[in-house]
Amino acid sequence: MTTEQQIVATFLPFAPEKIILFGSQAHGGNDEFSDIDLIIVYKTEKRFMDRLRDLYMAWNFSKAVDILAYTPDEFNMMIRENPFIQDAVANGKTLYARPH
């Protein structure tokens, strides 16, 4: 199983709509010190920090990870209004998108 497949398998129990890899890992500029940057979009009623806690607790890789977790509505707003997220999505790699 590839690292990308392992990432998807780790977060599938959260029923994500999307898992997006961004940053150096997404475009091959990574080295042994690079972390893994992820955007995870899923339906939840939990507060932002509680979401992050749950997702970080699921992480069981030796490589460091930075996670951004959004509900679908939050993600859609971020895509419209946040240049950082726009860039992450435009230059990132979708590892998983739930079929509709």
N, C-alpha and C. Protein backbone atom coordinates (compact mmCIF):
# COMPACT_ATOMS: atom_id res chain seq x y z
N MET A 1 0.85 -1.17 0.00
CA MET A 1 0.00 0.00 0.00
C MET A 1 0.90 1.25 0.00
N THR A 2 0.59 2.19 -0.86
CA THR A 2 1.37 3.43 -0.93
C THR A 2 1.04 4.33 0.26
N THR A 3 1.86 5.32 0.49
CA THR A 3 1.60 6.28 1.57
C THR A 3 0.26 6.98 1.35
N GLU A 4 -0.02 7.33 0.10
CA GLU A 4 -1.29 8.01 -0.20
C GLU A 4 -2.47 7.09 0.11
N GLN A 5 -2.37 5.82 -0.22
CA GLN A 5 -3.44 4.88 0.10
C GLN A 5 -3.58 4.71 1.61
N GLN A 6 -2.47 4.71 2.32
CA GLN A 6 -2.51 4.60 3.78
C GLN A 6 -3.17 5.82 4.40
N ILE A 7 -2.89 6.99 3.84
CA ILE A 7 -3.53 8.22 4.34
C ILE A 7 -5.04 8.11 4.17
N VAL A 8 -5.48 7.71 3.00
CA VAL A 8 -6.92 7.57 2.74
C VAL A 8 -7.52 6.55 3.70
N ALA A 9 -6.88 5.40 3.84
CA ALA A 9 -7.40 4.35 4.72
C ALA A 9 -7.50 4.83 6.17
N THR A 10 -6.57 5.66 6.59
CA THR A 10 -6.57 6.19 7.96
C THR A 10 -7.80 7.03 8.23
N PHE A 11 -8.21 7.82 7.24
CA PHE A 11 -9.30 8.77 7.47
C PHE A 11 -10.65 8.33 6.91
N LEU A 12 -10.73 7.21 6.23
CA LEU A 12 -12.02 6.73 5.73
C LEU A 12 -13.06 6.52 6.83
N PRO A 13 -12.68 6.10 8.04
CA PRO A 13 -13.70 5.97 9.09
C PRO A 13 -14.43 7.27 9.42
N PHE A 14 -13.88 8.41 9.03
CA PHE A 14 -14.53 9.69 9.27
C PHE A 14 -15.52 10.05 8.15
N ALA A 15 -15.66 9.18 7.16
CA ALA A 15 -16.56 9.39 6.02
C ALA A 15 -16.28 10.73 5.33
N PRO A 16 -15.04 10.95 4.91
CA PRO A 16 -14.71 12.24 4.29
C PRO A 16 -15.36 12.41 2.93
N GLU A 17 -15.62 13.66 2.59
CA GLU A 17 -16.04 13.97 1.24
C GLU A 17 -14.81 14.15 0.37
N LYS A 18 -13.75 14.72 0.96
CA LYS A 18 -12.49 14.94 0.22
C LYS A 18 -11.32 14.83 1.17
N ILE A 19 -10.22 14.33 0.62
CA ILE A 19 -8.92 14.38 1.29
C ILE A 19 -7.96 14.95 0.25
N ILE A 20 -7.37 16.09 0.57
CA ILE A 20 -6.48 16.78 -0.36
C ILE A 20 -5.09 16.88 0.26
N LEU A 21 -4.11 16.40 -0.48
CA LEU A 21 -2.71 16.54 -0.10
C LEU A 21 -2.19 17.82 -0.74
N PHE A 22 -1.54 18.67 0.04
CA PHE A 22 -0.99 19.89 -0.55
C PHE A 22 0.40 20.14 0.01
N GLY A 23 1.05 21.17 -0.48
CA GLY A 23 2.40 21.47 -0.04
C GLY A 23 3.43 20.64 -0.78
N SER A 24 4.62 20.54 -0.20
CA SER A 24 5.74 19.89 -0.89
C SER A 24 5.48 18.43 -1.21
N GLN A 25 4.75 17.73 -0.39
CA GLN A 25 4.47 16.31 -0.66
C GLN A 25 3.60 16.15 -1.91
N ALA A 26 2.78 17.14 -2.20
CA ALA A 26 1.87 17.04 -3.35
C ALA A 26 2.58 17.25 -4.67
N HIS A 27 3.65 18.05 -4.66
CA HIS A 27 4.29 18.36 -5.95
C HIS A 27 5.75 17.94 -6.00
N GLY A 28 6.15 17.03 -5.13
CA GLY A 28 7.46 16.41 -5.26
C GLY A 28 8.64 17.22 -4.76
N GLY A 29 8.41 18.32 -4.07
CA GLY A 29 9.52 19.11 -3.56
C GLY A 29 9.89 18.75 -2.13
N ASN A 30 9.46 17.59 -1.70
CA ASN A 30 9.67 17.18 -0.31
C ASN A 30 11.03 16.53 -0.09
N ASP A 31 11.45 16.55 1.18
CA ASP A 31 12.66 15.83 1.58
C ASP A 31 12.34 15.09 2.88
N GLU A 32 13.35 14.55 3.52
CA GLU A 32 13.12 13.74 4.72
C GLU A 32 12.58 14.57 5.89
N PHE A 33 12.68 15.89 5.81
CA PHE A 33 12.20 16.75 6.88
C PHE A 33 10.81 17.33 6.59
N SER A 34 10.27 17.05 5.42
CA SER A 34 8.97 17.59 5.03
C SER A 34 7.84 16.89 5.79
N ASP A 35 6.86 17.69 6.17
CA ASP A 35 5.69 17.08 6.78
C ASP A 35 4.64 16.81 5.70
N ILE A 36 3.53 16.26 6.11
CA ILE A 36 2.42 15.98 5.20
C ILE A 36 1.32 16.98 5.53
N ASP A 37 0.87 17.72 4.53
CA ASP A 37 -0.18 18.72 4.70
C ASP A 37 -1.46 18.20 4.08
N LEU A 38 -2.53 18.18 4.87
CA LEU A 38 -3.80 17.63 4.40
C LEU A 38 -4.95 18.59 4.68
N ILE A 39 -5.90 18.59 3.75
CA ILE A 39 -7.22 19.18 3.99
C ILE A 39 -8.19 18.01 3.98
N ILE A 40 -8.98 17.91 5.03
CA ILE A 40 -9.97 16.85 5.11
C ILE A 40 -11.33 17.52 5.26
N VAL A 41 -12.23 17.19 4.35
CA VAL A 41 -13.57 17.76 4.34
C VAL A 41 -14.55 16.65 4.71
N TYR A 42 -15.30 16.87 5.79
CA TYR A 42 -16.29 15.87 6.18
C TYR A 42 -17.40 16.51 7.00
N LYS A 43 -18.55 15.85 6.99
CA LYS A 43 -19.70 16.36 7.74
C LYS A 43 -19.52 16.02 9.21
N THR A 44 -19.66 17.04 10.03
CA THR A 44 -19.55 16.86 11.47
C THR A 44 -20.18 18.06 12.16
N GLU A 45 -20.63 17.84 13.36
CA GLU A 45 -21.15 18.93 14.20
C GLU A 45 -20.10 19.39 15.20
N LYS A 46 -18.95 18.73 15.21
CA LYS A 46 -17.92 19.04 16.20
C LYS A 46 -17.26 20.39 15.93
N ARG A 47 -16.79 21.00 17.02
CA ARG A 47 -16.03 22.24 16.90
C ARG A 47 -14.71 21.96 16.19
N PHE A 48 -14.13 23.00 15.60
CA PHE A 48 -12.91 22.87 14.81
C PHE A 48 -11.81 22.14 15.58
N MET A 49 -11.53 22.57 16.80
CA MET A 49 -10.45 21.96 17.58
C MET A 49 -10.74 20.51 17.93
N ASP A 50 -12.00 20.18 18.17
CA ASP A 50 -12.36 18.79 18.46
C ASP A 50 -12.17 17.91 17.23
N ARG A 51 -12.49 18.46 16.07
CA ARG A 51 -12.25 17.72 14.82
C ARG A 51 -10.77 17.40 14.67
N LEU A 52 -9.96 18.44 14.86
CA LEU A 52 -8.51 18.26 14.72
C LEU A 52 -7.99 17.21 15.69
N ARG A 53 -8.43 17.27 16.93
CA ARG A 53 -7.99 16.29 17.92
C ARG A 53 -8.29 14.87 17.44
N ASP A 54 -9.51 14.65 16.97
CA ASP A 54 -9.90 13.31 16.50
C ASP A 54 -9.04 12.85 15.33
N LEU A 55 -8.81 13.75 14.38
CA LEU A 55 -8.03 13.38 13.20
C LEU A 55 -6.56 13.14 13.55
N TYR A 56 -6.00 13.98 14.39
CA TYR A 56 -4.60 13.78 14.81
C TYR A 56 -4.44 12.48 15.60
N MET A 57 -5.43 12.13 16.38
CA MET A 57 -5.35 10.88 17.15
C MET A 57 -5.38 9.66 16.24
N ALA A 58 -6.00 9.80 15.08
CA ALA A 58 -6.04 8.69 14.12
C ALA A 58 -4.72 8.52 13.38
N TRP A 59 -3.91 9.56 13.36
CA TRP A 59 -2.64 9.56 12.61
C TRP A 59 -1.64 8.63 13.29
N ASN A 60 -1.12 7.65 12.54
CA ASN A 60 -0.18 6.70 13.15
C ASN A 60 1.05 6.50 12.27
N PHE A 61 1.51 7.56 11.66
CA PHE A 61 2.70 7.52 10.81
C PHE A 61 3.84 8.22 11.54
N SER A 62 5.07 7.89 11.18
CA SER A 62 6.21 8.54 11.80
C SER A 62 6.42 9.96 11.27
N LYS A 63 5.92 10.23 10.07
CA LYS A 63 6.08 11.56 9.46
C LYS A 63 5.08 12.53 10.10
N ALA A 64 5.53 13.74 10.34
CA ALA A 64 4.66 14.78 10.91
C ALA A 64 3.56 15.15 9.92
N VAL A 65 2.43 15.58 10.46
CA VAL A 65 1.30 15.96 9.63
C VAL A 65 0.72 17.29 10.12
N ASP A 66 0.25 18.09 9.18
CA ASP A 66 -0.55 19.28 9.47
C ASP A 66 -1.90 19.06 8.80
N ILE A 67 -2.96 19.15 9.59
CA ILE A 67 -4.30 18.87 9.08
C ILE A 67 -5.17 20.10 9.21
N LEU A 68 -5.91 20.39 8.16
CA LEU A 68 -6.98 21.38 8.19
C LEU A 68 -8.27 20.59 7.98
N ALA A 69 -9.23 20.76 8.87
CA ALA A 69 -10.47 19.98 8.80
C ALA A 69 -11.66 20.93 8.68
N TYR A 70 -12.42 20.75 7.62
CA TYR A 70 -13.56 21.63 7.36
C TYR A 70 -14.82 20.82 7.08
N THR A 71 -15.96 21.40 7.44
CA THR A 71 -17.22 20.84 6.98
C THR A 71 -17.37 21.23 5.51
N PRO A 72 -18.26 20.59 4.77
CA PRO A 72 -18.44 20.97 3.36
C PRO A 72 -18.79 22.45 3.19
N ASP A 73 -19.65 22.99 4.05
CA ASP A 73 -20.01 24.41 3.94
C ASP A 73 -18.81 25.31 4.22
N GLU A 74 -18.03 24.98 5.24
CA GLU A 74 -16.83 25.76 5.54
C GLU A 74 -15.84 25.71 4.38
N PHE A 75 -15.67 24.52 3.82
CA PHE A 75 -14.73 24.35 2.72
C PHE A 75 -15.15 25.18 1.52
N ASN A 76 -16.43 25.15 1.19
CA ASN A 76 -16.92 25.94 0.06
C ASN A 76 -16.69 27.43 0.29
N MET A 77 -16.87 27.90 1.51
CA MET A 77 -16.61 29.30 1.83
C MET A 77 -15.11 29.60 1.71
N MET A 78 -14.28 28.70 2.22
CA MET A 78 -12.83 28.90 2.16
C MET A 78 -12.34 28.95 0.71
N ILE A 79 -12.90 28.12 -0.14
CA ILE A 79 -12.52 28.11 -1.56
C ILE A 79 -12.81 29.47 -2.19
N ARG A 80 -13.91 30.08 -1.79
CA ARG A 80 -14.29 31.38 -2.35
C ARG A 80 -13.47 32.53 -1.77
N GLU A 81 -13.08 32.44 -0.49
CA GLU A 81 -12.58 33.62 0.22
C GLU A 81 -11.13 33.55 0.69
N ASN A 82 -10.52 32.39 0.71
CA ASN A 82 -9.20 32.27 1.33
C ASN A 82 -8.14 31.90 0.29
N PRO A 83 -7.25 32.83 -0.04
CA PRO A 83 -6.22 32.56 -1.05
C PRO A 83 -5.31 31.37 -0.70
N PHE A 84 -5.03 31.17 0.58
CA PHE A 84 -4.20 30.03 0.97
C PHE A 84 -4.87 28.71 0.60
N ILE A 85 -6.16 28.59 0.90
CA ILE A 85 -6.89 27.36 0.58
C ILE A 85 -7.06 27.24 -0.93
N GLN A 86 -7.32 28.34 -1.60
CA GLN A 86 -7.42 28.31 -3.07
C GLN A 86 -6.15 27.74 -3.68
N ASP A 87 -5.00 28.20 -3.21
CA ASP A 87 -3.72 27.72 -3.71
C ASP A 87 -3.50 26.25 -3.36
N ALA A 88 -3.83 25.88 -2.13
CA ALA A 88 -3.65 24.49 -1.70
C ALA A 88 -4.46 23.54 -2.57
N VAL A 89 -5.68 23.93 -2.90
CA VAL A 89 -6.53 23.09 -3.73
C VAL A 89 -6.06 23.10 -5.18
N ALA A 90 -5.71 24.27 -5.69
CA ALA A 90 -5.28 24.38 -7.09
C ALA A 90 -3.99 23.62 -7.35
N ASN A 91 -3.08 23.63 -6.38
CA ASN A 91 -1.78 22.99 -6.57
C ASN A 91 -1.64 21.68 -5.82
N GLY A 92 -2.68 21.29 -5.12
CA GLY A 92 -2.65 20.05 -4.35
C GLY A 92 -3.09 18.86 -5.17
N LYS A 93 -3.21 17.75 -4.49
CA LYS A 93 -3.58 16.49 -5.13
C LYS A 93 -4.73 15.89 -4.33
N THR A 94 -5.85 15.66 -5.00
CA THR A 94 -6.98 15.03 -4.34
C THR A 94 -6.70 13.54 -4.20
N LEU A 95 -6.56 13.10 -2.95
CA LEU A 95 -6.30 11.69 -2.69
C LEU A 95 -7.59 10.88 -2.65
N TYR A 96 -8.67 11.57 -2.27
CA TYR A 96 -9.96 10.89 -2.17
C TYR A 96 -11.07 11.90 -2.39
N ALA A 97 -12.05 11.51 -3.17
CA ALA A 97 -13.28 12.28 -3.34
C ALA A 97 -14.43 11.29 -3.33
N ARG A 98 -15.32 11.47 -2.38
CA ARG A 98 -16.44 10.54 -2.27
C ARG A 98 -17.32 10.66 -3.51
N PRO A 99 -17.65 9.53 -4.11
CA PRO A 99 -18.54 9.57 -5.28
C PRO A 99 -19.92 10.07 -4.87
N HIS A 100 -20.51 10.87 -5.72
CA HIS A 100 -21.86 11.39 -5.41
C HIS A 100 -22.90 10.68 -6.20
